[in-house]
Amino acid sequence: MDGGTLKVGSKRFTESYILGEIVRQSAAPHVRTEHRQGLGNTAIVLAALQAGSIDVYAEYMGTIASEILKHDKPITLDQMQRELAPLGLGVAVPLGFNNTYALAMRSDADISRLDQLATQPALKFGLSHEFIGRVDGWPGLAARYGLPQRPRGLDHGIAYEALAQRQVDVIDIYSTDAKIRQYGLRVLADTQQYFPRYDAMLLYRLDLPPRFPTAWKALRTLQGRISESDMIAMNAAVEIDGRRFADVARQWLMQHEKAGGQANKPVQRTTLLDKILGDDLWTLTRQHLTLVLLSVGVACLIGIPLGVLAAFYAPLRQTVLALVGVLQTVPSLALLAILIPVLGMIGTVPALVALCVYALLPIVRNTCTGILQVPEGLRMAALALGLSKRDRLLYVDLPLALPVILAGVKTAAVMSVGTATIAAFIGAGGYGERITIGLALNDNDMLLAGAIPAAVLALLTQGLFELVERWAVAGRKR
């Protein structure tokens, strides 16, 4: 068996989860494997690949050409390999199917071609955020067809339901989406052939084959084996039948290794309670608690001294409070995306840094406020008794300010329980894993299976801090 752990990545949509599991399970007999799933958009997964946080993931030729290599026209596989090599990356193993972008409408729409959209400016477009920003997405498509509409950003997982409920009229789709058939949608003809081919490939680090030669040999056997109908059927098994990604991937591999395998294994529907109490509950709880405890602990070590500094040095007060206030306004996913290349990794460390940043404001502000509320007469009395400034801080100011400081720490901790769900977008685990899967599948039960434990943990955290605050107040009275 090859040494080390082969780390497989995937983006946050159904097909990528499934392909990630196929890659992981194909390599698993030959090497220890790990699937860091649902890492977000192309930029985040690519940053993780370049940083060595993952070794390989399934990508599409059109995406590599336009989003990674920044070409505005399709390029050959040979050119792609040459341009990726200086980045330490390679592309190989065409999996056998093309999953291109397209736009779709309800079947009752009197439109069948993309060029007809230009004559209907009142149509409401709900497009995925990545498609809106891609070079080969909305900007180029709108320019090519002269489309006047202004699209709304809409998560791909909920776009089909929004279209069915007539909240939007046009959405972007992947041609292998199972829900196209389920919702009876009309895929608009790309008469000017704007969208390139998006053949699924393996994008990998060039050091993968020499590090894991046996596993790489196994991955190469996937070449050309996944047909478009296979991929649509696997997507349907997850999105419509409610199967797990790993089970669907395992079944496909068994079918292709042993004809007949377990192809007709009955689907077991799971209830909301089953999903909440799933096998991963303890693991996700441990990961979530670790993120919250460490981030709030570090925020206290930084924030309390900053609050003290702001309280005693008036010229710095507004600067310190403004700085932590500005940090609080940075969008969470944007901060995570920035931290990945800065820290050179995904996972727990960048998630902890981001959570610590968001926990600072209530801790710094409450520490400063609590100390400023200490009566000046008590400070003067302490100095009259011969206490140094350090002793006065430790034995007078901080004890008297403790209830207010604890209130700030409580706020930071409760906020961190909710904010920690974003950690799943960069492979740090926690209850956010269930939420990201629920978003990808538009599965309300899975969303609740992540949100309910997070809410319970937030309530327990608040209750624990209230007990501590009562103890602190009782201690002051004694």
Protein backbone atom coordinates (compact mmCIF):
# COMPACT_ATOMS: atom_id res chain seq x y z
CA MET A 1 0.00 0.00 0.00
CA ASP A 2 1.23 3.52 -0.86
CA GLY A 3 2.31 5.62 2.13
CA GLY A 4 0.57 8.77 3.39
CA THR A 5 -3.01 9.94 2.88
CA LEU A 6 -4.45 10.78 -0.52
CA LYS A 7 -6.78 13.75 -0.06
CA VAL A 8 -9.65 14.13 -2.52
CA GLY A 9 -11.60 17.37 -2.85
CA SER A 10 -15.01 18.25 -4.22
CA LYS A 11 -17.09 21.35 -4.86
CA ARG A 12 -20.47 22.13 -3.36
CA PHE A 13 -22.84 20.48 -5.82
CA THR A 14 -24.21 16.95 -6.13
CA GLU A 15 -22.13 15.70 -9.04
CA SER A 16 -18.86 16.87 -7.52
CA TYR A 17 -19.65 15.12 -4.22
CA ILE A 18 -20.36 11.87 -6.11
CA LEU A 19 -17.24 12.07 -8.29
CA GLY A 20 -15.17 12.82 -5.21
CA GLU A 21 -16.46 9.62 -3.63
CA ILE A 22 -15.77 7.60 -6.80
CA VAL A 23 -12.19 8.87 -6.84
CA ARG A 24 -11.71 8.25 -3.12
CA GLN A 25 -13.18 4.73 -3.20
CA SER A 26 -11.20 3.81 -6.31
CA ALA A 27 -7.96 4.72 -4.54
CA ALA A 28 -8.97 3.38 -1.10
CA PRO A 29 -7.77 -0.23 -1.58
CA HIS A 30 -4.25 1.07 -2.25
CA VAL A 31 -3.81 4.05 0.09
CA ARG A 32 -5.35 5.82 3.07
CA THR A 33 -7.88 8.29 1.70
CA GLU A 34 -9.78 11.34 2.86
CA HIS A 35 -12.59 13.18 1.11
CA ARG A 36 -12.70 16.91 1.87
CA GLN A 37 -16.12 17.54 0.47
CA GLY A 38 -18.15 20.60 -0.40
CA LEU A 39 -15.24 23.05 -0.42
CA GLY A 40 -17.10 25.76 -2.30
CA ASN A 41 -16.42 27.26 -5.71
CA THR A 42 -13.55 26.79 -8.15
CA ALA A 43 -11.31 29.42 -6.53
CA ILE A 44 -11.44 27.75 -3.11
CA VAL A 45 -10.87 24.20 -4.39
CA LEU A 46 -8.04 25.36 -6.65
CA ALA A 47 -6.37 27.20 -3.78
CA ALA A 48 -6.63 24.04 -1.67
CA LEU A 49 -5.08 21.99 -4.49
CA GLN A 50 -2.18 24.39 -4.99
CA ALA A 51 -1.57 24.57 -1.23
CA GLY A 52 -1.40 20.78 -0.97
CA SER A 53 -4.48 20.56 1.25
CA ILE A 54 -5.97 18.22 -1.36
CA ASP A 55 -4.25 16.13 -4.03
CA VAL A 56 -6.92 15.68 -6.70
CA TYR A 57 -10.50 16.53 -7.61
CA ALA A 58 -12.82 16.18 -10.59
CA GLU A 59 -12.91 19.30 -12.75
CA TYR A 60 -14.23 20.19 -16.21
CA MET A 61 -12.19 21.16 -19.27
CA GLY A 62 -14.18 24.32 -19.93
CA THR A 63 -13.69 25.45 -16.33
CA ILE A 64 -9.96 24.76 -16.42
CA ALA A 65 -9.56 26.71 -19.66
CA SER A 66 -11.65 29.74 -18.69
CA GLU A 67 -11.53 30.00 -14.87
CA ILE A 68 -8.07 28.65 -14.08
CA LEU A 69 -6.03 29.43 -17.21
CA LYS A 70 -8.14 32.49 -18.17
CA HIS A 71 -8.66 31.69 -21.86
CA ASP A 72 -11.70 33.11 -23.61
CA LYS A 73 -11.74 30.26 -26.15
CA PRO A 74 -11.48 26.45 -25.80
CA ILE A 75 -7.95 25.03 -25.81
CA THR A 76 -6.59 21.53 -26.44
CA LEU A 77 -5.75 19.08 -23.70
CA ASP A 78 -2.04 19.26 -24.61
CA GLN A 79 -2.01 23.06 -24.26
CA MET A 80 -3.88 22.76 -20.99
CA GLN A 81 -1.28 20.34 -19.61
CA ARG A 82 1.59 22.60 -20.67
CA GLU A 83 0.08 25.67 -19.00
CA LEU A 84 -0.83 23.84 -15.80
CA ALA A 85 2.65 22.35 -15.34
CA PRO A 86 4.27 25.60 -14.04
CA LEU A 87 1.52 25.70 -11.40
CA GLY A 88 2.54 22.23 -10.24
CA LEU A 89 -0.72 20.79 -11.59
CA GLY A 90 -1.75 18.27 -14.20
CA VAL A 91 -4.96 17.16 -15.87
CA ALA A 92 -5.65 13.63 -17.06
CA VAL A 93 -8.12 10.74 -17.00
CA PRO A 94 -11.14 11.94 -19.02
CA LEU A 95 -14.00 10.31 -17.15
CA GLY A 96 -16.21 9.89 -20.20
CA PHE A 97 -18.98 12.50 -20.08
CA ASN A 98 -19.54 16.15 -20.93
CA ASN A 99 -21.46 18.28 -18.42
CA THR A 100 -21.90 21.64 -20.04
CA TYR A 101 -23.71 24.73 -18.83
CA ALA A 102 -27.12 25.64 -20.23
CA LEU A 103 -30.09 27.87 -19.40
CA ALA A 104 -33.50 26.36 -18.75
CA MET A 105 -37.10 27.52 -18.35
CA ARG A 106 -40.41 25.94 -17.43
CA SER A 107 -41.95 23.78 -20.13
CA ASP A 108 -44.85 26.21 -20.58
CA ALA A 109 -42.49 28.97 -21.72
CA ASP A 110 -42.89 30.07 -25.34
CA ILE A 111 -39.12 30.21 -25.78
CA SER A 112 -36.80 27.47 -27.02
CA ARG A 113 -33.56 29.30 -27.96
CA LEU A 114 -31.14 31.57 -26.10
CA ASP A 115 -31.38 34.32 -28.73
CA GLN A 116 -35.12 34.69 -28.02
CA LEU A 117 -34.35 35.85 -24.48
CA ALA A 118 -33.14 39.20 -25.84
CA THR A 119 -36.71 40.12 -26.78
CA GLN A 120 -38.06 39.43 -23.27
CA PRO A 121 -36.39 41.96 -20.92
CA ALA A 122 -38.97 41.39 -18.16
CA LEU A 123 -37.90 37.77 -17.60
CA LYS A 124 -36.48 37.12 -14.11
CA PHE A 125 -33.10 35.36 -14.17
CA GLY A 126 -31.93 33.41 -11.11
CA LEU A 127 -28.35 32.32 -11.75
CA SER A 128 -25.77 30.68 -9.50
CA HIS A 129 -23.22 33.09 -8.04
CA GLU A 130 -20.32 31.31 -9.71
CA PHE A 131 -22.02 31.42 -13.13
CA ILE A 132 -22.64 35.16 -12.77
CA GLY A 133 -18.95 35.78 -12.13
CA ARG A 134 -17.36 33.27 -14.52
CA VAL A 135 -15.55 34.35 -17.66
CA ASP A 136 -17.46 31.66 -19.57
CA GLY A 137 -20.70 32.40 -17.70
CA TRP A 138 -23.15 35.28 -17.65
CA PRO A 139 -20.95 38.22 -18.75
CA GLY A 140 -19.88 36.54 -21.99
CA LEU A 141 -23.29 34.98 -22.59
CA ALA A 142 -25.08 38.31 -22.17
CA ALA A 143 -22.64 39.99 -24.55
CA ARG A 144 -22.88 37.22 -27.17
CA TYR A 145 -26.68 37.17 -27.26
CA GLY A 146 -27.34 40.81 -26.33
CA LEU A 147 -29.30 39.95 -23.19
CA PRO A 148 -30.57 43.03 -21.27
CA GLN A 149 -31.70 41.26 -18.07
CA ARG A 150 -29.99 41.72 -14.69
CA PRO A 151 -29.78 38.32 -12.96
CA ARG A 152 -30.23 37.64 -9.24
CA GLY A 153 -27.71 35.43 -7.46
CA LEU A 154 -29.33 32.13 -6.50
CA ASP A 155 -27.81 29.00 -4.96
CA HIS A 156 -27.84 26.15 -7.48
CA GLY A 157 -29.42 23.78 -4.96
CA ILE A 158 -32.63 25.83 -4.64
CA ALA A 159 -32.85 27.16 -8.20
CA TYR A 160 -35.14 24.39 -9.49
CA GLU A 161 -37.67 24.93 -6.71
CA ALA A 162 -37.58 28.70 -7.27
CA LEU A 163 -38.25 28.13 -10.97
CA ALA A 164 -41.10 25.72 -10.26
CA GLN A 165 -42.68 28.25 -7.88
CA ARG A 166 -42.37 30.98 -10.55
CA GLN A 167 -40.12 33.14 -8.41
CA VAL A 168 -37.70 33.20 -11.36
CA ASP A 169 -38.15 32.43 -15.06
CA VAL A 170 -34.65 31.35 -16.16
CA ILE A 171 -31.94 29.42 -14.32
CA ASP A 172 -28.53 28.04 -15.22
CA ILE A 173 -28.20 24.27 -15.15
CA TYR A 174 -25.67 21.51 -15.70
CA SER A 175 -26.61 19.24 -18.58
CA THR A 176 -26.32 16.15 -16.36
CA ASP A 177 -28.68 17.48 -13.68
CA ALA A 178 -31.28 14.84 -12.84
CA LYS A 179 -33.83 17.51 -11.95
CA ILE A 180 -34.12 18.67 -15.58
CA ARG A 181 -36.27 15.62 -16.27
CA GLN A 182 -37.93 15.61 -12.85
CA TYR A 183 -39.21 19.18 -13.24
CA GLY A 184 -39.90 18.81 -16.97
CA LEU A 185 -37.77 21.80 -17.93
CA ARG A 186 -37.02 23.14 -21.38
CA VAL A 187 -33.29 23.50 -22.05
CA LEU A 188 -32.73 26.50 -24.33
CA ALA A 189 -30.77 25.80 -27.50
CA ASP A 190 -27.33 27.44 -27.66
CA THR A 191 -27.65 28.41 -31.33
CA GLN A 192 -24.37 30.36 -31.36
CA GLN A 193 -22.49 27.58 -29.55
CA TYR A 194 -21.33 29.88 -26.78
CA PHE A 195 -20.75 27.18 -24.16
CA PRO A 196 -17.63 25.05 -24.68
CA ARG A 197 -17.41 21.36 -23.83
CA TYR A 198 -17.05 20.58 -20.13
CA ASP A 199 -15.57 17.09 -20.25
CA ALA A 200 -14.98 15.79 -16.73
CA MET A 201 -11.30 15.18 -15.92
CA LEU A 202 -9.06 14.70 -12.90
CA LEU A 203 -7.14 17.85 -11.93
CA TYR A 204 -4.26 16.80 -9.70
CA ARG A 205 -0.96 17.82 -8.17
CA LEU A 206 2.01 16.67 -10.24
CA ASP A 207 3.53 15.06 -7.15
CA LEU A 208 0.54 12.72 -6.78
CA PRO A 209 1.65 9.93 -9.21
CA PRO A 210 5.15 9.53 -7.68
CA ARG A 211 3.78 9.70 -4.11
CA PHE A 212 0.91 7.28 -4.72
CA PRO A 213 1.88 5.19 -7.77
CA THR A 214 -0.48 2.27 -7.09
CA ALA A 215 -3.42 4.51 -6.27
CA TRP A 216 -2.74 6.63 -9.38
CA LYS A 217 -2.76 3.48 -11.51
CA ALA A 218 -6.16 2.63 -10.05
CA LEU A 219 -7.48 6.14 -10.76
CA ARG A 220 -6.39 5.89 -14.39
CA THR A 221 -8.71 2.91 -14.83
CA LEU A 222 -11.65 5.34 -14.47
CA GLN A 223 -10.83 6.81 -17.89
CA GLY A 224 -13.85 6.85 -20.20
CA ARG A 225 -16.00 4.71 -17.89
CA ILE A 226 -18.64 7.18 -16.70
CA SER A 227 -21.23 7.86 -19.39
CA GLU A 228 -23.57 10.84 -19.39
CA SER A 229 -26.50 8.52 -18.62
CA ASP A 230 -24.53 7.02 -15.72
CA MET A 231 -23.90 10.47 -14.29
CA ILE A 232 -27.53 11.56 -14.64
CA ALA A 233 -28.64 8.32 -12.94
CA MET A 234 -26.20 8.84 -10.05
CA ASN A 235 -27.31 12.45 -9.61
CA ALA A 236 -30.94 11.25 -9.58
CA ALA A 237 -30.16 8.56 -6.99
CA VAL A 238 -28.96 11.28 -4.61
CA GLU A 239 -31.28 14.19 -5.41
CA ILE A 240 -34.51 12.28 -6.08
CA ASP A 241 -34.15 8.92 -4.31
CA GLY A 242 -32.36 10.32 -1.26
CA ARG A 243 -29.31 8.04 -1.44
CA ARG A 244 -26.00 8.98 0.19
CA PHE A 245 -23.10 10.11 -2.01
CA ALA A 246 -20.82 7.33 -0.78
CA ASP A 247 -23.46 4.64 -1.35
CA VAL A 248 -24.19 5.81 -4.90
CA ALA A 249 -20.48 5.87 -5.76
CA ARG A 250 -19.96 2.43 -4.22
CA GLN A 251 -22.87 0.99 -6.20
CA TRP A 252 -21.56 2.39 -9.47
CA LEU A 253 -18.10 0.94 -8.83
CA MET A 254 -19.58 -2.46 -7.96
CA GLN A 255 -21.73 -2.47 -11.09
CA HIS A 256 -18.67 -1.85 -13.23
CA GLU A 257 -16.46 -4.33 -11.44
CA LYS A 258 -19.03 -7.11 -11.07
CA ALA A 259 -21.97 -7.02 -13.44
CA GLY A 260 -25.15 -6.91 -11.49
CA GLY A 261 -23.43 -6.04 -8.16
CA GLN A 262 -26.09 -4.56 -5.90
CA ALA A 263 -27.76 -2.45 -8.54
CA ASN A 264 -31.25 -3.08 -7.28
CA LYS A 265 -30.59 -2.51 -3.61
CA PRO A 266 -33.78 -0.89 -2.23
CA VAL A 267 -33.67 2.74 -1.20
CA GLN A 268 -34.13 3.38 2.50
CA ARG A 269 -35.79 6.71 3.18
CA THR A 270 -34.45 8.48 6.23
CA THR A 271 -36.51 10.71 8.50
CA LEU A 272 -35.43 14.04 9.97
CA LEU A 273 -34.68 12.34 13.29
CA ASP A 274 -32.52 9.74 11.52
CA LYS A 275 -30.51 12.53 9.90
CA ILE A 276 -30.12 14.47 13.14
CA LEU A 277 -28.97 11.37 15.04
CA GLY A 278 -26.84 10.05 12.17
CA ASP A 279 -23.55 8.23 12.62
CA ASP A 280 -21.66 11.47 12.09
CA LEU A 281 -23.36 13.40 14.93
CA TRP A 282 -20.61 12.92 17.51
CA THR A 283 -17.82 13.64 15.03
CA LEU A 284 -19.49 16.83 13.80
CA THR A 285 -20.27 17.90 17.38
CA ARG A 286 -16.66 17.40 18.42
CA GLN A 287 -15.43 19.38 15.41
CA HIS A 288 -17.93 22.18 16.04
CA LEU A 289 -17.09 22.42 19.73
CA THR A 290 -13.38 22.47 18.96
CA LEU A 291 -13.82 25.35 16.54
CA VAL A 292 -15.94 27.37 18.98
CA LEU A 293 -13.83 26.76 22.10
CA LEU A 294 -10.47 27.43 20.45
CA SER A 295 -11.60 30.50 18.50
CA VAL A 296 -13.32 32.12 21.49
CA GLY A 297 -10.38 31.23 23.75
CA VAL A 298 -7.88 32.86 21.41
CA ALA A 299 -10.23 35.84 20.94
CA CYS A 300 -10.28 36.30 24.73
CA LEU A 301 -6.47 36.20 24.91
CA ILE A 302 -6.31 38.93 22.27
CA GLY A 303 -9.51 40.86 22.92
CA ILE A 304 -9.36 41.37 26.69
CA PRO A 305 -5.90 43.03 26.61
CA LEU A 306 -7.07 45.15 23.65
CA GLY A 307 -10.14 46.18 25.63
CA VAL A 308 -8.00 47.11 28.61
CA LEU A 309 -5.72 49.14 26.35
CA ALA A 310 -8.71 50.92 24.81
CA ALA A 311 -10.12 51.74 28.27
CA PHE A 312 -6.95 53.25 29.76
CA TYR A 313 -5.55 54.99 26.67
CA ALA A 314 -8.24 57.25 25.29
CA PRO A 315 -6.32 58.28 22.12
CA LEU A 316 -6.26 54.60 21.03
CA ARG A 317 -9.84 53.81 22.04
CA GLN A 318 -11.64 54.74 18.84
CA THR A 319 -8.88 53.24 16.69
CA VAL A 320 -9.08 49.86 18.45
CA LEU A 321 -12.89 49.74 18.47
CA ALA A 322 -13.05 50.85 14.83
CA LEU A 323 -10.52 48.19 13.79
CA VAL A 324 -12.37 45.28 15.38
CA GLY A 325 -15.64 46.72 14.08
CA VAL A 326 -14.34 46.79 10.51
CA LEU A 327 -13.08 43.20 10.81
CA GLN A 328 -16.60 42.18 11.81
CA THR A 329 -17.98 43.52 8.53
CA VAL A 330 -15.78 41.38 6.24
CA PRO A 331 -18.03 38.73 4.59
CA SER A 332 -17.24 35.33 6.06
CA LEU A 333 -16.76 33.42 2.81
CA ALA A 334 -14.61 36.22 1.40
CA LEU A 335 -12.40 36.10 4.49
CA LEU A 336 -12.05 32.33 4.20
CA ALA A 337 -11.14 32.60 0.53
CA ILE A 338 -8.46 35.19 1.38
CA LEU A 339 -7.02 33.14 4.24
CA ILE A 340 -6.50 29.97 2.17
CA PRO A 341 -3.66 31.36 -0.01
CA VAL A 342 -2.31 33.47 2.87
CA LEU A 343 -2.01 30.49 5.23
CA GLY A 344 -1.36 27.95 2.48
CA MET A 345 -3.99 25.49 3.70
CA ILE A 346 -7.67 24.74 4.14
CA GLY A 347 -9.41 23.19 7.11
CA THR A 348 -9.29 24.01 10.80
CA VAL A 349 -6.56 26.69 10.92
CA PRO A 350 -8.09 29.26 8.51
CA ALA A 351 -11.52 28.56 10.00
CA LEU A 352 -10.18 29.29 13.50
CA VAL A 353 -8.57 32.52 12.33
CA ALA A 354 -11.83 33.69 10.74
CA LEU A 355 -13.93 32.76 13.78
CA CYS A 356 -11.46 34.48 16.10
CA VAL A 357 -11.73 37.67 14.03
CA TYR A 358 -15.53 37.63 14.30
CA ALA A 359 -15.43 36.98 18.06
CA LEU A 360 -13.20 39.98 18.84
CA LEU A 361 -15.72 42.83 18.65
CA PRO A 362 -18.03 41.91 21.58
CA ILE A 363 -15.08 40.90 23.76
CA VAL A 364 -13.05 44.07 23.13
CA ARG A 365 -16.07 46.37 23.40
CA ASN A 366 -17.42 44.83 26.61
CA THR A 367 -14.00 44.74 28.26
CA CYS A 368 -13.51 48.42 27.50
CA THR A 369 -17.04 49.32 28.63
CA GLY A 370 -16.78 47.26 31.83
CA ILE A 371 -13.55 48.90 32.93
CA LEU A 372 -14.80 52.41 32.11
CA GLN A 373 -17.82 51.74 34.34
CA VAL A 374 -15.64 51.11 37.42
CA PRO A 375 -16.18 54.12 39.73
CA GLU A 376 -13.21 56.50 39.75
CA GLY A 377 -13.45 56.73 43.55
CA LEU A 378 -12.60 53.03 43.91
CA ARG A 379 -9.56 53.47 41.71
CA MET A 380 -8.36 56.42 43.80
CA ALA A 381 -8.92 54.43 47.00
CA ALA A 382 -6.89 51.55 45.60
CA LEU A 383 -4.01 53.89 44.78
CA ALA A 384 -4.27 55.47 48.24
CA LEU A 385 -3.86 52.00 49.76
CA GLY A 386 -0.58 51.65 47.89
CA LEU A 387 -1.70 49.31 45.09
CA SER A 388 0.31 49.58 41.90
CA LYS A 389 -1.51 50.12 38.59
CA ARG A 390 -1.00 46.45 37.77
CA ASP A 391 -2.47 45.30 41.10
CA ARG A 392 -5.34 47.75 40.78
CA LEU A 393 -6.14 46.28 37.36
CA LEU A 394 -5.97 42.69 38.62
CA TYR A 395 -7.75 43.16 41.97
CA VAL A 396 -10.13 46.06 41.36
CA ASP A 397 -10.84 46.90 37.70
CA LEU A 398 -11.09 43.42 36.17
CA PRO A 399 -13.09 41.84 39.03
CA LEU A 400 -15.60 44.71 38.99
CA ALA A 401 -15.80 44.62 35.18
CA LEU A 402 -16.08 40.81 35.09
CA PRO A 403 -19.89 40.57 34.61
CA VAL A 404 -19.75 42.91 31.61
CA ILE A 405 -16.71 41.09 30.17
CA LEU A 406 -18.48 37.73 30.59
CA ALA A 407 -21.51 39.12 28.76
CA GLY A 408 -19.22 39.97 25.82
CA VAL A 409 -17.62 36.53 25.87
CA LYS A 410 -21.08 34.95 25.99
CA THR A 411 -22.16 36.96 22.95
CA ALA A 412 -18.99 35.95 21.11
CA ALA A 413 -19.44 32.27 21.99
CA VAL A 414 -23.11 32.14 20.93
CA MET A 415 -22.29 33.97 17.70
CA SER A 416 -19.40 31.59 17.05
CA VAL A 417 -21.66 28.54 17.33
CA GLY A 418 -23.66 29.86 14.37
CA THR A 419 -20.74 31.31 12.43
CA ALA A 420 -18.76 28.07 12.76
CA THR A 421 -21.10 26.46 10.23
CA ILE A 422 -19.16 28.28 7.49
CA ALA A 423 -16.09 26.18 8.37
CA ALA A 424 -17.50 23.31 6.33
CA PHE A 425 -16.97 25.35 3.15
CA ILE A 426 -13.20 24.87 3.56
CA GLY A 427 -13.17 21.35 4.95
CA ALA A 428 -13.06 22.10 8.69
CA GLY A 429 -16.14 20.02 9.49
CA GLY A 430 -18.79 20.80 12.07
CA TYR A 431 -22.55 20.99 11.64
CA GLY A 432 -22.00 23.09 8.52
CA GLU A 433 -21.22 19.89 6.60
CA ARG A 434 -24.86 18.89 6.82
CA ILE A 435 -25.98 22.39 5.90
CA THR A 436 -23.78 22.52 2.79
CA ILE A 437 -25.08 19.12 1.67
CA GLY A 438 -28.64 20.27 2.31
CA LEU A 439 -28.05 23.38 0.19
CA ALA A 440 -26.53 21.32 -2.62
CA LEU A 441 -29.48 18.92 -2.65
CA ASN A 442 -32.22 21.39 -1.67
CA ASP A 443 -32.89 18.92 1.15
CA ASN A 444 -34.71 20.74 3.96
CA ASP A 445 -34.34 17.79 6.34
CA MET A 446 -30.57 17.78 5.89
CA LEU A 447 -30.47 21.55 6.42
CA LEU A 448 -32.42 21.12 9.65
CA ALA A 449 -30.19 18.21 10.69
CA GLY A 450 -27.33 20.71 10.73
CA ALA A 451 -29.23 23.75 11.96
CA ILE A 452 -31.04 22.10 14.89
CA PRO A 453 -27.92 20.75 16.66
CA ALA A 454 -26.25 24.14 16.12
CA ALA A 455 -29.25 25.89 17.68
CA VAL A 456 -29.27 23.46 20.62
CA LEU A 457 -25.54 24.01 21.14
CA ALA A 458 -26.07 27.80 21.06
CA LEU A 459 -28.80 27.54 23.71
CA LEU A 460 -26.61 25.32 25.90
CA THR A 461 -23.73 27.77 25.50
CA GLN A 462 -25.92 30.70 26.50
CA GLY A 463 -27.28 28.79 29.51
CA LEU A 464 -23.79 27.85 30.67
CA PHE A 465 -22.58 31.45 30.49
CA GLU A 466 -25.63 32.69 32.37
CA LEU A 467 -24.76 30.30 35.20
CA VAL A 468 -21.18 31.61 35.19
CA GLU A 469 -22.44 35.21 35.21
CA ARG A 470 -24.66 34.49 38.23
CA TRP A 471 -21.70 32.94 40.01
CA ALA A 472 -19.61 36.04 39.22
CA VAL A 473 -22.31 38.41 40.51
CA ALA A 474 -22.75 36.31 43.65
CA GLY A 475 -19.00 36.38 44.21
CA ARG A 476 -18.98 40.19 44.00
CA LYS A 477 -21.75 40.44 46.62
CA ARG A 478 -19.77 38.28 49.02
